[in-house]
Amino acid sequence: MATGWQVVLRSKNIYGPYEWKTVLAQGETEINGPHQGAWVDTTTGEDWFLHFQDVGAHGRLLHLQPMKWVDDWPVIGIDKDGDGCGEPVLFYKKPDVGKKYSVCTPQESDEFNSQILSPQWQWNANINEKWMFCNGQNGYIRLYSYPVTDSYRNLWDVPNLLLQKISAPNFTATTKLTFKPTKKYTGERTGLVVMGLDYAGVFVENTKDGLVLSQSVCDEADRGSLEKINASVPLEGNTIYLKSNVFHKGQKKCR
């Protein structure tokens, strides 16, 4: 949830009675709803606290907060006014865990040099092995088209969407795509999509007049709305680069 705070209850008996105290809240920070966390103690005797922040389409961000004990209550983050309820911090010294580790970030880019999908990828539904083939040698993944159901409304009804979580507040996603549709059929399409309750994408479709590149959006896709095509152009050749810019300026947008 986007609002909330961290509460701690304590008692000298497992059956109670319990004392109740709010030990972490947003306060004057930009970190909304800090709660649902875990206390972590290091081998060097430090205390830290993990919690999440709900940021809508950007998912749930994990935060690490400093923690200390005052009068047998945990105080998390920075307690400026000394009331025992801290505010979360965005920057702080790293935990002392006894040794140094190199910076490690979640995997984002992928050259598809493996015979299995890298861990950042996920399908829109339970996987069907007929949807793809990872070559593992020549640096590509082959995606196979799959028929939609008779009740198809928009991409919310499509299981074989190969997706990745939004990786940062601001980022660019670029892919090189070669489209080889089945010649005897029309209507096959592929492309790059920013997927959500609403979605927008750039799609290549095989039509009776050849390949067509379109930019489409779908508002309230989760409620069965239909896609709206904003613009289309004929496409010469079948190898293209597609790119999406996602940025966070006041509100989340993509281009």
Protein backbone atom coordinates (compact mmCIF):
# COMPACT_ATOMS: atom_id res chain seq x y z
CA MET A 1 0.00 0.00 0.00
CA ALA A 2 1.16 3.53 -0.74
CA THR A 3 0.51 4.81 2.80
CA GLY A 4 1.40 3.32 6.15
CA TRP A 5 4.01 3.20 8.89
CA GLN A 6 5.97 0.67 10.87
CA VAL A 7 4.50 -0.41 14.21
CA VAL A 8 6.23 -2.51 16.86
CA LEU A 9 4.44 -4.30 19.68
CA ARG A 10 6.33 -5.60 22.71
CA SER A 11 5.55 -7.63 25.78
CA LYS A 12 7.35 -9.56 28.51
CA ASN A 13 4.91 -12.42 27.94
CA ILE A 14 4.05 -14.01 24.60
CA TYR A 15 0.36 -13.90 25.60
CA GLY A 16 0.48 -10.17 26.41
CA PRO A 17 -0.47 -7.58 27.31
CA TYR A 18 1.39 -5.73 24.55
CA GLU A 19 2.63 -2.15 24.27
CA TRP A 20 2.23 -0.44 20.88
CA LYS A 21 4.54 2.13 19.29
CA THR A 22 5.05 3.63 15.81
CA VAL A 23 8.80 3.50 15.15
CA LEU A 24 9.05 4.58 11.46
CA ALA A 25 6.91 6.95 9.38
CA GLN A 26 7.27 9.01 6.19
CA GLY A 27 7.44 12.34 8.00
CA GLU A 28 8.86 15.06 5.75
CA THR A 29 10.60 12.61 3.39
CA GLU A 30 9.66 11.43 -0.12
CA ILE A 31 9.59 7.80 1.02
CA ASN A 32 5.90 7.02 1.40
CA GLY A 33 4.41 4.16 3.39
CA PRO A 34 7.58 2.71 4.96
CA HIS A 35 6.51 -0.52 6.64
CA GLN A 36 6.25 -4.31 6.34
CA GLY A 37 9.90 -4.78 7.09
CA ALA A 38 12.48 -6.97 8.78
CA TRP A 39 15.13 -6.40 11.43
CA VAL A 40 18.62 -7.50 10.35
CA ASP A 41 21.67 -7.69 12.64
CA THR A 42 25.16 -8.01 11.19
CA THR A 43 28.12 -10.08 12.38
CA THR A 44 29.76 -6.83 13.55
CA GLY A 45 26.87 -6.02 15.89
CA GLU A 46 25.04 -3.41 13.79
CA ASP A 47 21.25 -3.29 13.48
CA TRP A 48 19.45 -2.46 10.21
CA PHE A 49 15.89 -2.54 8.97
CA LEU A 50 14.52 -3.55 5.56
CA HIS A 51 11.18 -2.18 4.35
CA PHE A 52 9.37 -1.51 1.10
CA GLN A 53 7.96 1.56 -0.62
CA ASP A 54 4.97 1.27 -2.95
CA VAL A 55 5.60 3.45 -6.03
CA GLY A 56 2.73 2.37 -8.25
CA ALA A 57 3.76 1.28 -11.72
CA HIS A 58 7.40 1.23 -10.63
CA GLY A 59 6.61 -1.57 -8.19
CA ARG A 60 7.78 -1.93 -4.61
CA LEU A 61 11.23 -0.53 -3.87
CA LEU A 62 13.31 -2.09 -1.11
CA HIS A 63 14.98 0.28 1.38
CA LEU A 64 17.67 -0.32 3.99
CA GLN A 65 17.49 1.87 7.12
CA PRO A 66 19.84 2.28 10.08
CA MET A 67 18.38 1.08 13.36
CA LYS A 68 19.25 1.44 17.03
CA TRP A 69 17.66 0.58 20.37
CA VAL A 70 16.43 3.26 22.79
CA ASP A 71 14.70 2.20 26.04
CA ASP A 72 14.17 -1.28 24.56
CA TRP A 73 12.37 0.12 21.51
CA PRO A 74 13.83 -0.02 17.99
CA VAL A 75 14.35 3.42 16.43
CA ILE A 76 14.56 3.21 12.64
CA GLY A 77 15.96 5.79 10.23
CA ILE A 78 16.72 9.25 11.64
CA ASP A 79 14.78 10.45 14.70
CA LYS A 80 15.17 14.24 14.43
CA ASP A 81 12.82 15.24 17.26
CA GLY A 82 13.68 12.41 19.62
CA ASP A 83 10.14 11.06 19.95
CA GLY A 84 11.21 7.49 19.16
CA CYS A 85 9.67 7.50 15.66
CA GLY A 86 12.23 7.81 12.90
CA GLU A 87 12.03 8.97 9.28
CA PRO A 88 13.56 6.91 6.45
CA VAL A 89 16.77 8.03 4.75
CA LEU A 90 17.74 7.85 1.07
CA PHE A 91 21.50 8.07 1.68
CA TYR A 92 23.54 6.58 4.51
CA LYS A 93 26.80 4.80 5.15
CA LYS A 94 26.91 1.14 4.18
CA PRO A 95 26.60 -1.59 6.82
CA ASP A 96 29.82 -2.93 8.30
CA VAL A 97 29.66 -6.62 7.44
CA GLY A 98 33.29 -7.42 8.15
CA LYS A 99 34.61 -7.21 4.55
CA LYS A 100 34.18 -5.23 1.34
CA TYR A 101 32.08 -6.34 -1.60
CA SER A 102 32.01 -4.94 -5.12
CA VAL A 103 28.91 -3.08 -6.31
CA CYS A 104 26.30 -5.51 -7.63
CA THR A 105 23.11 -4.50 -9.44
CA PRO A 106 20.23 -6.60 -10.79
CA GLN A 107 20.72 -7.83 -14.34
CA GLU A 108 19.02 -5.65 -16.95
CA SER A 109 20.60 -5.92 -20.41
CA ASP A 110 20.68 -9.26 -22.17
CA GLU A 111 22.55 -10.47 -25.27
CA PHE A 112 20.72 -13.83 -25.08
CA ASN A 113 23.95 -15.85 -25.09
CA SER A 114 22.47 -18.57 -22.91
CA GLN A 115 20.15 -21.47 -23.64
CA ILE A 116 17.89 -20.37 -20.80
CA LEU A 117 16.28 -17.01 -20.04
CA SER A 118 18.12 -14.73 -17.63
CA PRO A 119 16.40 -14.17 -14.24
CA GLN A 120 15.11 -10.67 -15.00
CA TRP A 121 12.59 -11.96 -17.56
CA GLN A 122 9.05 -13.10 -16.83
CA TRP A 123 6.09 -14.19 -18.93
CA ASN A 124 2.62 -12.72 -18.68
CA ALA A 125 1.28 -16.19 -17.85
CA ASN A 126 2.53 -19.67 -17.07
CA ILE A 127 5.18 -20.52 -19.64
CA ASN A 128 4.52 -22.61 -22.72
CA GLU A 129 7.69 -24.05 -24.24
CA LYS A 130 6.29 -23.34 -27.72
CA TRP A 131 6.68 -19.59 -27.21
CA MET A 132 10.44 -19.28 -27.61
CA PHE A 133 13.82 -20.77 -28.40
CA CYS A 134 17.08 -19.57 -26.85
CA ASN A 135 19.92 -20.26 -29.25
CA GLY A 136 22.67 -19.68 -26.70
CA GLN A 137 25.43 -19.24 -29.29
CA ASN A 138 24.54 -16.56 -31.82
CA GLY A 139 23.18 -14.03 -29.33
CA TYR A 140 19.46 -13.98 -29.99
CA ILE A 141 16.17 -15.33 -28.73
CA ARG A 142 13.54 -16.57 -31.18
CA LEU A 143 9.96 -15.78 -30.20
CA TYR A 144 7.13 -17.65 -31.90
CA SER A 145 3.74 -16.10 -32.52
CA TYR A 146 0.77 -17.74 -30.86
CA PRO A 147 -2.93 -17.44 -31.77
CA VAL A 148 -5.15 -15.28 -29.58
CA THR A 149 -8.51 -16.47 -28.31
CA ASP A 150 -11.85 -15.63 -29.92
CA SER A 151 -12.59 -13.36 -26.95
CA TYR A 152 -9.36 -11.35 -27.42
CA ARG A 153 -9.70 -7.66 -26.47
CA ASN A 154 -6.16 -6.39 -25.89
CA LEU A 155 -2.73 -7.51 -24.67
CA TRP A 156 -4.11 -8.29 -21.23
CA ASP A 157 -5.52 -11.42 -22.90
CA VAL A 158 -2.14 -12.44 -24.34
CA PRO A 159 -0.06 -14.89 -22.27
CA ASN A 160 3.15 -14.88 -24.34
CA LEU A 161 4.39 -11.39 -23.47
CA LEU A 162 8.07 -11.52 -22.51
CA LEU A 163 8.34 -8.84 -19.83
CA GLN A 164 10.82 -7.30 -17.42
CA LYS A 165 10.21 -5.30 -14.26
CA ILE A 166 10.81 -1.55 -14.48
CA SER A 167 14.45 -1.25 -13.45
CA ALA A 168 14.77 2.40 -12.37
CA PRO A 169 12.80 5.66 -12.17
CA ASN A 170 14.46 6.77 -15.43
CA PHE A 171 15.83 4.41 -18.06
CA THR A 172 15.91 3.53 -21.76
CA ALA A 173 15.07 0.12 -23.21
CA THR A 174 16.32 -0.69 -26.72
CA THR A 175 15.92 -3.90 -28.69
CA LYS A 176 16.96 -5.09 -32.12
CA LEU A 177 14.19 -7.05 -33.79
CA THR A 178 13.98 -9.11 -36.97
CA PHE A 179 10.40 -10.01 -37.86
CA LYS A 180 9.79 -13.06 -40.05
CA PRO A 181 6.02 -13.59 -40.17
CA THR A 182 4.40 -16.69 -41.60
CA LYS A 183 3.74 -15.73 -45.23
CA LYS A 184 0.37 -17.42 -45.59
CA TYR A 185 -1.12 -15.53 -42.62
CA THR A 186 -1.81 -11.86 -41.96
CA GLY A 187 -2.29 -10.28 -38.57
CA GLU A 188 0.88 -11.58 -36.95
CA ARG A 189 2.62 -8.88 -34.95
CA THR A 190 5.42 -8.22 -32.50
CA GLY A 191 7.03 -5.19 -30.92
CA LEU A 192 8.05 -3.35 -27.76
CA VAL A 193 5.47 -2.54 -25.08
CA VAL A 194 5.35 -0.75 -21.73
CA MET A 195 2.76 -2.95 -20.06
CA GLY A 196 0.39 -2.15 -17.22
CA LEU A 197 -3.24 -1.34 -16.39
CA ASP A 198 -2.75 1.04 -19.31
CA TYR A 199 -0.15 0.19 -21.91
CA ALA A 200 1.59 1.72 -24.90
CA GLY A 201 3.83 0.20 -27.52
CA VAL A 202 5.38 0.19 -30.96
CA PHE A 203 4.24 -2.80 -33.01
CA VAL A 204 5.14 -4.38 -36.34
CA GLU A 205 2.27 -6.17 -38.05
CA ASN A 206 2.08 -8.34 -41.15
CA THR A 207 -0.79 -7.03 -43.31
CA LYS A 208 -2.01 -7.82 -46.81
CA ASP A 209 -0.02 -4.78 -47.96
CA GLY A 210 3.20 -5.81 -46.21
CA LEU A 211 4.77 -4.90 -42.88
CA VAL A 212 3.32 -1.91 -41.03
CA LEU A 213 4.83 -0.12 -38.03
CA SER A 214 2.28 1.34 -35.59
CA GLN A 215 2.28 3.21 -32.29
CA SER A 216 -0.68 2.15 -30.15
CA VAL A 217 -2.05 2.79 -26.67
CA CYS A 218 -4.70 1.12 -24.55
CA ASP A 219 -6.18 2.89 -21.53
CA GLU A 220 -7.85 0.74 -18.86
CA ALA A 221 -6.66 -2.40 -20.58
CA ASP A 222 -7.45 -4.40 -17.46
CA ARG A 223 -11.13 -3.53 -18.01
CA GLY A 224 -11.23 -4.85 -21.55
CA SER A 225 -10.71 -1.63 -23.51
CA LEU A 226 -9.60 -1.76 -27.12
CA GLU A 227 -6.27 -0.52 -28.45
CA LYS A 228 -6.09 2.84 -30.18
CA ILE A 229 -3.64 3.29 -33.07
CA ASN A 230 -2.11 6.77 -33.02
CA ALA A 231 -0.03 6.46 -36.20
CA SER A 232 1.11 3.88 -38.75
CA VAL A 233 3.72 3.81 -41.50
CA PRO A 234 4.75 1.16 -44.06
CA LEU A 235 7.96 -0.60 -43.10
CA GLU A 236 10.76 -1.32 -45.55
CA GLY A 237 12.79 -4.32 -44.50
CA ASN A 238 12.14 -6.52 -41.50
CA THR A 239 15.02 -5.64 -39.14
CA ILE A 240 14.51 -2.59 -36.92
CA TYR A 241 15.54 -1.07 -33.62
CA LEU A 242 12.79 -0.16 -31.14
CA LYS A 243 13.34 2.07 -28.11
CA SER A 244 11.32 3.28 -25.14
CA ASN A 245 12.28 6.08 -22.74
CA VAL A 246 10.72 5.84 -19.28
CA PHE A 247 11.09 8.89 -17.06
CA HIS A 248 9.73 10.18 -13.79
CA LYS A 249 9.06 13.95 -13.75
CA GLY A 250 6.19 14.75 -11.46
CA GLN A 251 4.35 11.77 -12.88
CA LYS A 252 5.45 8.58 -14.56
CA LYS A 253 5.61 8.76 -18.35
CA CYS A 254 7.10 6.88 -21.23
CA ARG A 255 8.04 7.85 -24.76
